[in-house]
């Protein structure tokens, strides 16, 4: 699966319109927790939810995108289904809990 960094709100709006499911990963390059969690989230998507693309949002580079979704702590994960914010987890994120939350909606959506 290919991973991309969001560079502006217009790009994100198009991604949300064009995909049924999207996972946004908000963090900073200097966040150790975010760096440790990111590969685990990518692996989970690759193995369990291949139809949901992963997009990284660098909170230092695109603070306007982070602010629009009221993301002020890192890491934060937001999962969108059909363009709507469906799941939001911040700071201390359990991969099994995130997986279970996504699974319920993924089974219905796809």
Protein backbone atom coordinates (compact mmCIF):
# COMPACT_ATOMS: atom_id res chain seq x y z
CA UNK A 1 0.00 0.00 0.00
CA UNK A 2 1.19 3.47 -0.80
CA UNK A 3 1.27 6.16 1.89
CA UNK A 4 1.08 9.87 1.28
CA UNK A 5 1.48 13.08 3.23
CA UNK A 6 -1.32 15.63 3.05
CA UNK A 7 -0.04 19.05 2.01
CA UNK A 8 -3.21 21.17 2.10
CA UNK A 9 -6.93 21.14 2.86
CA UNK A 10 -8.01 21.11 -0.78
CA UNK A 11 -6.05 17.91 -1.38
CA UNK A 12 -7.64 16.32 1.69
CA UNK A 13 -11.14 17.35 0.61
CA UNK A 14 -10.61 15.59 -2.74
CA UNK A 15 -9.28 12.45 -1.01
CA UNK A 16 -12.32 12.32 1.27
CA UNK A 17 -14.65 12.71 -1.73
CA UNK A 18 -12.88 10.03 -3.79
CA UNK A 19 -12.53 7.29 -1.14
CA UNK A 20 -15.18 5.44 0.86
CA UNK A 21 -12.79 4.99 3.80
CA UNK A 22 -9.72 7.04 4.77
CA UNK A 23 -7.40 6.98 7.78
CA UNK A 24 -5.64 10.23 8.70
CA UNK A 25 -2.63 9.98 10.97
CA UNK A 26 -1.82 13.32 12.62
CA UNK A 27 1.62 13.67 14.19
CA UNK A 28 4.86 15.62 14.11
CA UNK A 29 8.28 14.47 12.93
CA UNK A 30 9.55 15.02 16.49
CA UNK A 31 6.90 12.86 18.21
CA UNK A 32 8.52 9.64 19.45
CA UNK A 33 5.19 8.03 20.30
CA UNK A 34 3.87 8.88 16.84
CA UNK A 35 6.96 7.43 15.17
CA UNK A 36 6.59 4.19 17.13
CA UNK A 37 2.86 3.83 16.49
CA UNK A 38 2.80 4.72 12.79
CA UNK A 39 4.28 1.44 11.44
CA UNK A 40 1.86 -0.56 13.59
CA UNK A 41 -1.12 1.33 12.17
CA UNK A 42 0.17 0.90 8.60
CA UNK A 43 0.68 -2.84 9.17
CA UNK A 44 -2.85 -3.18 10.59
CA UNK A 45 -4.32 -1.43 7.53
CA UNK A 46 -2.26 -3.52 5.12
CA UNK A 47 -3.26 -6.80 6.76
CA UNK A 48 -6.84 -6.16 7.87
CA UNK A 49 -8.23 -3.18 5.96
CA UNK A 50 -6.58 -2.95 2.53
CA UNK A 51 -9.37 -0.76 1.12
CA UNK A 52 -8.62 2.08 3.56
CA UNK A 53 -5.74 4.32 2.47
CA UNK A 54 -3.34 5.82 5.04
CA UNK A 55 -2.52 9.53 4.91
CA UNK A 56 -0.05 11.30 7.17
CA UNK A 57 -0.79 14.86 8.31
CA UNK A 58 2.30 16.67 9.63
CA UNK A 59 0.89 19.03 12.24
CA UNK A 60 3.87 21.38 11.88
CA UNK A 61 3.55 21.66 8.09
CA UNK A 62 -0.25 21.86 7.88
CA UNK A 63 -1.54 23.33 11.16
CA UNK A 64 -4.70 24.55 9.41
CA UNK A 65 -5.70 20.96 8.58
CA UNK A 66 -5.06 19.86 12.16
CA UNK A 67 -7.05 22.79 13.51
CA UNK A 68 -10.01 22.11 11.20
CA UNK A 69 -10.36 18.64 12.74
CA UNK A 70 -9.60 19.91 16.28
CA UNK A 71 -6.40 17.92 16.52
CA UNK A 72 -4.07 19.50 19.04
CA UNK A 73 -2.24 16.46 20.47
CA UNK A 74 -0.16 13.90 18.70
CA UNK A 75 -0.58 11.25 17.62
CA UNK A 76 -4.24 11.43 16.63
CA UNK A 77 -5.97 9.06 14.25
CA UNK A 78 -9.20 9.95 12.48
CA UNK A 79 -11.00 7.41 10.33
CA UNK A 80 -13.53 8.69 7.81
CA UNK A 81 -16.22 6.62 6.14
CA UNK A 82 -18.21 8.18 3.32
CA UNK A 83 -16.57 11.56 4.01
CA UNK A 84 -17.68 11.66 7.64
CA UNK A 85 -15.46 11.53 10.71
CA UNK A 86 -16.37 8.19 12.27
CA UNK A 87 -13.54 7.24 14.64
CA UNK A 88 -11.15 9.54 16.47
CA UNK A 89 -8.40 8.37 18.83
CA UNK A 90 -5.69 10.50 20.42
CA UNK A 91 -2.46 10.17 22.37
CA UNK A 92 -2.69 6.71 23.95
CA UNK A 93 -4.01 4.51 21.16
CA UNK A 94 -4.61 0.77 21.47
CA UNK A 95 -4.15 -1.03 18.16
CA UNK A 96 -6.64 -3.81 19.11
CA UNK A 97 -9.26 -1.22 20.13
CA UNK A 98 -8.70 0.74 16.92
CA UNK A 99 -8.91 -2.45 14.87
CA UNK A 100 -12.20 -3.46 16.50
CA UNK A 101 -13.71 -0.02 15.94
CA UNK A 102 -12.71 -0.02 12.26
CA UNK A 103 -13.81 -3.65 11.73
CA UNK A 104 -17.43 -2.95 12.68
CA UNK A 105 -17.81 -0.21 10.09
CA UNK A 106 -15.50 -1.79 7.47
CA UNK A 107 -17.66 -4.93 7.31
CA UNK A 108 -20.73 -2.82 6.58
CA UNK A 109 -19.07 -0.34 4.19
CA UNK A 110 -17.14 -2.85 2.09
